[in-house]
C-alpha atoms as a PDB file:
ATOM      1  CA  UNK A   1      51.235 132.825 137.576  1.00  0.00           C
ATOM      2  CA  UNK A   2      51.995 132.106 133.729  1.00  0.00           C
ATOM      3  CA  UNK A   3      52.976 134.132 131.273  1.00  0.00           C
ATOM      4  CA  UNK A   4      50.949 135.289 128.341  1.00  0.00           C
ATOM      5  CA  UNK A   5      50.923 132.962 125.199  1.00  0.00           C
ATOM      6  CA  UNK A   6      52.792 134.114 122.397  1.00  0.00           C
ATOM      7  CA  UNK A   7      51.265 136.775 120.353  1.00  0.00           C
ATOM      8  CA  UNK A   8      50.814 135.947 116.513  1.00  0.00           C
ATOM      9  CA  UNK A   9      53.422 137.495 114.200  1.00  0.00           C
ATOM     10  CA  UNK A  10      52.052 140.765 112.779  1.00  0.00           C
ATOM     11  CA  UNK A  11      51.216 140.147 109.109  1.00  0.00           C
ATOM     12  CA  UNK A  12      49.742 142.451 106.501  1.00  0.00           C
ATOM     13  CA  UNK A  13      48.391 139.443 104.906  1.00  0.00           C
ATOM     14  CA  UNK A  14      45.995 138.762 107.971  1.00  0.00           C
ATOM     15  CA  UNK A  15      42.291 138.528 107.557  1.00  0.00           C
ATOM     16  CA  UNK A  16      41.235 137.830 110.935  1.00  0.00           C
ATOM     17  CA  UNK A  17      43.849 138.296 114.141  1.00  0.00           C
ATOM     18  CA  UNK A  18      42.913 137.818 117.825  1.00  0.00           C
ATOM     19  CA  UNK A  19      45.321 138.777 120.348  1.00  0.00           C
ATOM     20  CA  UNK A  20      45.426 138.457 124.360  1.00  0.00           C
ATOM     21  CA  UNK A  21      41.854 136.936 124.627  1.00  0.00           C
ATOM     22  CA  UNK A  22      40.564 136.121 128.100  1.00  0.00           C
ATOM     23  CA  UNK A  23      37.120 134.694 128.508  1.00  0.00           C
ATOM     24  CA  UNK A  24      35.544 133.698 132.068  1.00  0.00           C
ATOM     25  CA  UNK A  25      32.121 131.704 132.600  1.00  0.00           C
ATOM     26  CA  UNK A  26      31.750 132.469 136.422  1.00  0.00           C
ATOM     27  CA  UNK A  27      34.735 130.968 138.286  1.00  0.00           C
ATOM     28  CA  UNK A  28      35.797 129.035 135.152  1.00  0.00           C
ATOM     29  CA  UNK A  29      38.662 130.376 133.078  1.00  0.00           C
ATOM     30  CA  UNK A  30      37.766 129.370 129.476  1.00  0.00           C
ATOM     31  CA  UNK A  31      40.498 131.666 127.475  1.00  0.00           C
ATOM     32  CA  UNK A  32      43.537 132.787 128.934  1.00  0.00           C
ATOM     33  CA  UNK A  33      45.602 135.210 126.907  1.00  0.00           C
ATOM     34  CA  UNK A  34      44.720 133.163 123.551  1.00  0.00           C
ATOM     35  CA  UNK A  35      45.960 134.627 120.167  1.00  0.00           C
ATOM     36  CA  UNK A  36      45.734 133.535 116.768  1.00  0.00           C
ATOM     37  CA  UNK A  37      46.133 134.624 113.180  1.00  0.00           C
ATOM     38  CA  UNK A  38      44.570 133.832 109.706  1.00  0.00           C
ATOM     39  CA  UNK A  39      45.564 134.787 106.428  1.00  0.00           C
ATOM     40  CA  UNK A  40      43.254 134.838 103.499  1.00  0.00           C
ATOM     41  CA  UNK A  41      42.701 131.510 101.749  1.00  0.00           C
ATOM     42  CA  UNK A  42      44.560 129.929 105.063  1.00  0.00           C
ATOM     43  CA  UNK A  43      42.904 126.507 106.502  1.00  0.00           C
ATOM     44  CA  UNK A  44      44.072 126.458 110.198  1.00  0.00           C
ATOM     45  CA  UNK A  45      43.118 123.599 112.421  1.00  0.00           C
ATOM     46  CA  UNK A  46      42.330 124.503 116.139  1.00  0.00           C
ATOM     47  CA  UNK A  47      43.157 121.297 118.337  1.00  0.00           C
ATOM     48  CA  UNK A  48      42.943 120.416 121.799  1.00  0.00           C
ATOM     49  CA  UNK A  49      41.245 118.129 124.213  1.00  0.00           C
ATOM     50  CA  UNK A  50      37.454 118.729 125.372  1.00  0.00           C
ATOM     51  CA  UNK A  51      37.044 121.626 127.609  1.00  0.00           C
ATOM     52  CA  UNK A  52      40.226 123.032 126.130  1.00  0.00           C
ATOM     53  CA  UNK A  53      38.552 126.082 124.973  1.00  0.00           C
ATOM     54  CA  UNK A  54      38.608 125.290 121.344  1.00  0.00           C
ATOM     55  CA  UNK A  55      34.760 126.350 120.666  1.00  0.00           C
ATOM     56  CA  UNK A  56      35.099 129.593 123.003  1.00  0.00           C
ATOM     57  CA  UNK A  57      38.059 130.572 120.833  1.00  0.00           C
ATOM     58  CA  UNK A  58      35.996 130.084 117.835  1.00  0.00           C
ATOM     59  CA  UNK A  59      32.960 131.982 119.385  1.00  0.00           C
ATOM     60  CA  UNK A  60      35.020 134.873 120.220  1.00  0.00           C
ATOM     61  CA  UNK A  61      36.688 135.211 117.035  1.00  0.00           C
ATOM     62  CA  UNK A  62      33.088 134.682 114.902  1.00  0.00           C
ATOM     63  CA  UNK A  63      31.827 137.646 117.113  1.00  0.00           C
ATOM     64  CA  UNK A  64      29.177 135.372 119.002  1.00  0.00           C
ATOM     65  CA  UNK A  65      30.864 135.736 122.455  1.00  0.00           C
ATOM     66  CA  UNK A  66      32.441 138.982 123.558  1.00  0.00           C
ATOM     67  CA  UNK A  67      35.943 138.292 125.402  1.00  0.00           C
ATOM     68  CA  UNK A  68      36.574 139.878 128.549  1.00  0.00           C
ATOM     69  CA  UNK A  69      39.964 141.034 127.350  1.00  0.00           C
ATOM     70  CA  UNK A  70      41.884 141.077 124.284  1.00  0.00           C
ATOM     71  CA  UNK A  71      40.948 142.052 120.713  1.00  0.00           C
ATOM     72  CA  UNK A  72      39.526 140.522 117.671  1.00  0.00           C
ATOM     73  CA  UNK A  73      40.567 142.510 114.466  1.00  0.00           C
ATOM     74  CA  UNK A  74      38.773 141.411 111.027  1.00  0.00           C
ATOM     75  CA  UNK A  75      39.930 143.458 108.111  1.00  0.00           C
ATOM     76  CA  UNK A  76      40.962 146.512 110.368  1.00  0.00           C
ATOM     77  CA  UNK A  77      38.049 146.777 112.865  1.00  0.00           C
ATOM     78  CA  UNK A  78      37.695 145.395 116.382  1.00  0.00           C
ATOM     79  CA  UNK A  79      34.912 142.925 116.680  1.00  0.00           C
ATOM     80  CA  UNK A  80      35.055 143.519 120.497  1.00  0.00           C
ATOM     81  CA  UNK A  81      33.551 147.235 120.044  1.00  0.00           C
ATOM     82  CA  UNK A  82      30.978 146.673 117.566  1.00  0.00           C
ATOM     83  CA  UNK A  83      27.404 146.757 118.602  1.00  0.00           C
ATOM     84  CA  UNK A  84      25.490 143.604 118.463  1.00  0.00           C
ATOM     85  CA  UNK A  85      23.738 144.502 115.107  1.00  0.00           C
ATOM     86  CA  UNK A  86      26.745 145.371 113.395  1.00  0.00           C
ATOM     87  CA  UNK A  87      28.268 142.012 114.621  1.00  0.00           C
ATOM     88  CA  UNK A  88      25.180 140.033 113.564  1.00  0.00           C
ATOM     89  CA  UNK A  89      25.489 141.646 109.867  1.00  0.00           C
ATOM     90  CA  UNK A  90      28.960 140.533 109.942  1.00  0.00           C
ATOM     91  CA  UNK A  91      28.304 136.936 110.628  1.00  0.00           C
ATOM     92  CA  UNK A  92      25.611 137.100 107.906  1.00  0.00           C
ATOM     93  CA  UNK A  93      27.411 138.543 105.073  1.00  0.00           C
ATOM     94  CA  UNK A  94      31.434 137.938 105.991  1.00  0.00           C
ATOM     95  CA  UNK A  95      31.154 134.648 107.687  1.00  0.00           C
ATOM     96  CA  UNK A  96      29.969 130.947 107.191  1.00  0.00           C
ATOM     97  CA  UNK A  97      29.419 128.404 109.843  1.00  0.00           C
ATOM     98  CA  UNK A  98      29.377 124.733 110.140  1.00  0.00           C
ATOM     99  CA  UNK A  99      28.545 122.921 113.413  1.00  0.00           C
ATOM    100  CA  UNK A 100      28.918 119.337 114.161  1.00  0.00           C
ATOM    101  CA  UNK A 101      25.111 118.443 113.909  1.00  0.00           C
ATOM    102  CA  UNK A 102      24.728 120.466 110.771  1.00  0.00           C
ATOM    103  CA  UNK A 103      21.735 122.954 112.770  1.00  0.00           C
ATOM    104  CA  UNK A 104      19.690 122.760 109.440  1.00  0.00           C
ATOM    105  CA  UNK A 105      15.965 124.123 110.000  1.00  0.00           C
ATOM    106  CA  UNK A 106      13.756 120.908 109.933  1.00  0.00           C
ATOM    107  CA  UNK A 107      10.697 122.686 108.638  1.00  0.00           C
ATOM    108  CA  UNK A 108      12.520 123.680 105.609  1.00  0.00           C
ATOM    109  CA  UNK A 109      13.497 121.748 102.532  1.00  0.00           C
ATOM    110  CA  UNK A 110      17.188 121.562 102.080  1.00  0.00           C
ATOM    111  CA  UNK A 111      16.980 124.115  99.185  1.00  0.00           C
ATOM    112  CA  UNK A 112      15.187 126.416 101.504  1.00  0.00           C
ATOM    113  CA  UNK A 113      18.132 125.853 104.099  1.00  0.00           C
ATOM    114  CA  UNK A 114      20.856 126.634 101.781  1.00  0.00           C
ATOM    115  CA  UNK A 115      18.899 129.455 100.518  1.00  0.00           C
ATOM    116  CA  UNK A 116      17.789 130.902 103.797  1.00  0.00           C
ATOM    117  CA  UNK A 117      21.261 132.975 104.443  1.00  0.00           C
ATOM    118  CA  UNK A 118      20.343 134.984 101.089  1.00  0.00           C
ATOM    119  CA  UNK A 119      17.000 135.401 101.637  1.00  0.00           C
ATOM    120  CA  UNK A 120      17.763 137.071 105.173  1.00  0.00           C
ATOM    121  CA  UNK A 121      19.906 139.312 103.332  1.00  0.00           C
ATOM    122  CA  UNK A 122      16.676 140.068 100.774  1.00  0.00           C
ATOM    123  CA  UNK A 123      17.909 138.387  97.648  1.00  0.00           C
ATOM    124  CA  UNK A 124      15.299 137.694  95.685  1.00  0.00           C
ATOM    125  CA  UNK A 125      13.812 134.032  95.866  1.00  0.00           C
ATOM    126  CA  UNK A 126      14.461 133.123  92.344  1.00  0.00           C
ATOM    127  CA  UNK A 127      18.164 134.249  92.629  1.00  0.00           C
ATOM    128  CA  UNK A 128      18.481 132.839  96.047  1.00  0.00           C
ATOM    129  CA  UNK A 129      17.405 129.468  95.041  1.00  0.00           C
ATOM    130  CA  UNK A 130      19.672 129.511  91.827  1.00  0.00           C
ATOM    131  CA  UNK A 131      22.486 130.024  93.883  1.00  0.00           C
ATOM    132  CA  UNK A 132      21.686 127.431  96.594  1.00  0.00           C
ATOM    133  CA  UNK A 133      21.198 125.008  93.586  1.00  0.00           C
ATOM    134  CA  UNK A 134      24.497 125.457  92.287  1.00  0.00           C
ATOM    135  CA  UNK A 135      26.052 125.006  95.884  1.00  0.00           C
ATOM    136  CA  UNK A 136      24.199 121.771  96.339  1.00  0.00           C
ATOM    137  CA  UNK A 137      25.500 120.687  92.986  1.00  0.00           C
ATOM    138  CA  UNK A 138      29.106 121.504  94.101  1.00  0.00           C
ATOM    139  CA  UNK A 139      28.707 119.313  97.045  1.00  0.00           C
ATOM    140  CA  UNK A 140      26.788 116.649  95.147  1.00  0.00           C
ATOM    141  CA  UNK A 141      23.588 116.503  97.113  1.00  0.00           C
ATOM    142  CA  UNK A 142      21.450 118.577  94.528  1.00  0.00           C
ATOM    143  CA  UNK A 143      19.005 115.245  94.419  1.00  0.00           C
ATOM    144  CA  UNK A 144      18.029 115.939  98.146  1.00  0.00           C
ATOM    145  CA  UNK A 145      17.114 119.710  97.286  1.00  0.00           C
ATOM    146  CA  UNK A 146      13.508 119.272  97.800  1.00  0.00           C
ATOM    147  CA  UNK A 147      13.805 116.904 100.829  1.00  0.00           C
ATOM    148  CA  UNK A 148      13.570 117.848 104.653  1.00  0.00           C
ATOM    149  CA  UNK A 149      16.740 117.381 107.053  1.00  0.00           C
ATOM    150  CA  UNK A 150      15.048 114.505 108.890  1.00  0.00           C
ATOM    151  CA  UNK A 151      14.228 112.713 105.331  1.00  0.00           C
ATOM    152  CA  UNK A 152      18.276 112.371 104.464  1.00  0.00           C
ATOM    153  CA  UNK A 153      21.272 110.941 105.705  1.00  0.00           C
ATOM    154  CA  UNK A 154      23.476 112.241 108.135  1.00  0.00           C
ATOM    155  CA  UNK A 155      26.205 112.633 105.540  1.00  0.00           C
ATOM    156  CA  UNK A 156      23.964 114.385 103.053  1.00  0.00           C
ATOM    157  CA  UNK A 157      22.796 116.916 105.765  1.00  0.00           C
ATOM    158  CA  UNK A 158      26.337 117.807 106.484  1.00  0.00           C
ATOM    159  CA  UNK A 159      27.037 118.514 102.928  1.00  0.00           C
ATOM    160  CA  UNK A 160      23.731 120.585 102.873  1.00  0.00           C
ATOM    161  CA  UNK A 161      24.982 122.595 105.827  1.00  0.00           C
ATOM    162  CA  UNK A 162      28.363 123.292 103.934  1.00  0.00           C
ATOM    163  CA  UNK A 163      26.650 124.340 101.161  1.00  0.00           C
ATOM    164  CA  UNK A 164      24.702 126.770 103.217  1.00  0.00           C
ATOM    165  CA  UNK A 165      27.680 128.155 104.867  1.00  0.00           C
ATOM    166  CA  UNK A 166      29.416 128.678 101.261  1.00  0.00           C
ATOM    167  CA  UNK A 167      26.517 130.143  99.515  1.00  0.00           C
ATOM    168  CA  UNK A 168      26.944 133.738 100.614  1.00  0.00           C
ATOM    169  CA  UNK A 169      30.965 133.505  99.355  1.00  0.00           C
ATOM    170  CA  UNK A 170      32.249 134.192 103.020  1.00  0.00           C
ATOM    171  CA  UNK A 171      35.541 135.305 103.479  1.00  0.00           C
ATOM    172  CA  UNK A 172      35.871 133.290 106.405  1.00  0.00           C
ATOM    173  CA  UNK A 173      34.368 129.717 107.469  1.00  0.00           C
ATOM    174  CA  UNK A 174      34.093 128.633 110.875  1.00  0.00           C
ATOM    175  CA  UNK A 175      33.999 124.871 111.485  1.00  0.00           C
ATOM    176  CA  UNK A 176      33.321 123.430 115.043  1.00  0.00           C
ATOM    177  CA  UNK A 177      33.841 119.768 114.682  1.00  0.00           C
ATOM    178  CA  UNK A 178      32.187 119.512 111.216  1.00  0.00           C
ATOM    179  CA  UNK A 179      32.693 115.718 111.101  1.00  0.00           C
ATOM    180  CA  UNK A 180      32.178 114.869 114.629  1.00  0.00           C
ATOM    181  CA  UNK A 181      28.663 112.969 113.990  1.00  0.00           C
ATOM    182  CA  UNK A 182      29.767 111.394 110.889  1.00  0.00           C
ATOM    183  CA  UNK A 183      31.359 107.912 110.004  1.00  0.00           C
ATOM    184  CA  UNK A 184      35.079 108.364 108.613  1.00  0.00           C
ATOM    185  CA  UNK A 185      33.926 107.720 104.832  1.00  0.00           C
ATOM    186  CA  UNK A 186      31.218 110.568 104.960  1.00  0.00           C
ATOM    187  CA  UNK A 187      33.872 112.845 107.290  1.00  0.00           C
ATOM    188  CA  UNK A 188      36.538 112.229 104.519  1.00  0.00           C
ATOM    189  CA  UNK A 189      34.138 113.344 101.939  1.00  0.00           C
ATOM    190  CA  UNK A 190      32.583 116.603 103.636  1.00  0.00           C
ATOM    191  CA  UNK A 191      36.219 117.451 104.477  1.00  0.00           C
ATOM    192  CA  UNK A 192      37.289 117.159 100.846  1.00  0.00           C
ATOM    193  CA  UNK A 193      34.719 119.138  99.464  1.00  0.00           C
ATOM    194  CA  UNK A 194      34.637 121.843 102.019  1.00  0.00           C
ATOM    195  CA  UNK A 195      38.595 122.417 101.628  1.00  0.00           C
ATOM    196  CA  UNK A 196      38.415 122.249  97.585  1.00  0.00           C
ATOM    197  CA  UNK A 197      35.517 124.598  97.448  1.00  0.00           C
ATOM    198  CA  UNK A 198      37.313 127.063 100.016  1.00  0.00           C
ATOM    199  CA  UNK A 199      40.310 126.730  97.840  1.00  0.00           C
ATOM    200  CA  UNK A 200      38.528 127.783  94.805  1.00  0.00           C
ATOM    201  CA  UNK A 201      36.722 130.861  96.526  1.00  0.00           C
ATOM    202  CA  UNK A 202      39.880 131.714  98.413  1.00  0.00           C
ATOM    203  CA  UNK A 203      37.858 131.486 101.774  1.00  0.00           C
ATOM    204  CA  UNK A 204      39.761 131.114 105.148  1.00  0.00           C
ATOM    205  CA  UNK A 205      38.978 128.242 107.172  1.00  0.00           C
ATOM    206  CA  UNK A 206      39.129 128.089 110.958  1.00  0.00           C
ATOM    207  CA  UNK A 207      38.597 124.301 111.575  1.00  0.00           C
ATOM    208  CA  UNK A 208      38.048 123.272 115.127  1.00  0.00           C
ATOM    209  CA  UNK A 209      38.663 119.497 115.955  1.00  0.00           C
ATOM    210  CA  UNK A 210      40.402 116.946 118.299  1.00  0.00           C
ATOM    211  CA  UNK A 211      41.055 114.504 115.283  1.00  0.00           C
ATOM    212  CA  UNK A 212      44.366 114.432 113.666  1.00  0.00           C
ATOM    213  CA  UNK A 213      42.951 113.115 110.360  1.00  0.00           C
ATOM    214  CA  UNK A 214      40.885 116.256 110.230  1.00  0.00           C
ATOM    215  CA  UNK A 215      43.651 118.763 110.967  1.00  0.00           C
ATOM    216  CA  UNK A 216      45.573 116.949 108.193  1.00  0.00           C
ATOM    217  CA  UNK A 217      43.582 118.911 105.927  1.00  0.00           C
ATOM    218  CA  UNK A 218      45.059 122.123 107.285  1.00  0.00           C
ATOM    219  CA  UNK A 219      47.797 124.381 106.212  1.00  0.00           C
ATOM    220  CA  UNK A 220      49.051 124.117 110.108  1.00  0.00           C
ATOM    221  CA  UNK A 221      47.906 123.567 113.357  1.00  0.00           C
ATOM    222  CA  UNK A 222      47.244 125.617 116.614  1.00  0.00           C
ATOM    223  CA  UNK A 223      46.913 123.593 119.858  1.00  0.00           C
ATOM    224  CA  UNK A 224      44.639 125.242 122.482  1.00  0.00           C
ATOM    225  CA  UNK A 225      45.163 123.649 126.341  1.00  0.00           C
ATOM    226  CA  UNK A 226      43.886 125.056 129.309  1.00  0.00           C
ATOM    227  CA  UNK A 227      42.569 128.302 127.481  1.00  0.00           C
ATOM    228  CA  UNK A 228      45.928 129.148 126.227  1.00  0.00           C
ATOM    229  CA  UNK A 229      47.105 128.903 122.556  1.00  0.00           C
ATOM    230  CA  UNK A 230      50.374 127.440 121.188  1.00  0.00           C
ATOM    231  CA  UNK A 231      51.084 127.944 117.508  1.00  0.00           C
ATOM    232  CA  UNK A 232      54.777 126.599 116.363  1.00  0.00           C
ATOM    233  CA  UNK A 233      55.247 129.333 113.938  1.00  0.00           C
ATOM    234  CA  UNK A 234      54.662 132.120 116.311  1.00  0.00           C
ATOM    235  CA  UNK A 235      56.202 130.109 119.136  1.00  0.00           C
ATOM    236  CA  UNK A 236      59.480 129.962 117.083  1.00  0.00           C
ATOM    237  CA  UNK A 237      59.334 133.725 116.359  1.00  0.00           C
ATOM    238  CA  UNK A 238      59.022 134.591 120.014  1.00  0.00           C
ATOM    239  CA  UNK A 239      61.747 132.547 121.043  1.00  0.00           C
END
C-alpha cells in the first residue's frame, strides 16, 4: 500500500484547496489521495498521461463530481458537503469552464452563446449582450458575433468559448485540454489571450494538459499519475 501524496502547504492565500481526494468508478481507482492548492490569480498546469486522473481531479475541484473521500475547500466552504443546487449556483457564478471542443450551443449565435451564462442569472438581455460583445472584442472575434458555431473555424469557436467562460468574471477558470482540438498557431493564440485576460482580471486558472508547450503558460506544474498528485513545491516542503 502506497503512502498518501503530499498535502498542499497550508496558505492563507489559497482560493481553492483539495486534500486527500479519492474517487472510484466501479473497480477503477481514478483518484488516490490527490491534493492540490490554487492561489488567487495563479495559473497551475495539471499534467499527466491519458487516463492518469487529470480530468477527474478537475471535475471534483469544480464540484461537478463528488469525491468518495477528501475535501474541496473554496473560499472557506467545503464543496463536498454542499447540495447539488448550491454547487450548480457556484459553478454558474464563481467558476468558468473551457473544454477541448468548446461545447458551444449550435442553435445559438456566438453572441448568444457568450451571453448565455449571464442570461441564466437573469441579467437583462441588453446588458448581457453588451458584456458579451466586450468579451468577443477582447478575444478578437467580434466579427463572428452573429454567426453560429458551425459557421466559424475551430480557432474562432474556441476563442468564443473562452469569452463565454470569462463573461461572468469568474474567480476560477477550469480549462480541460483547451487547445487539444486546435493547430499549434490557433492554440498559441487562444492560450495567450486566455492567460492575458486572466492576469488582467486576477482569475485563477487550473489548466489540464498533457502538452509541455501548453504548461509553459502556467506559473507552476502539478503532475498526476495513477490518480496521485505530485507538486514539486509541496513535495519539497514535505521532505
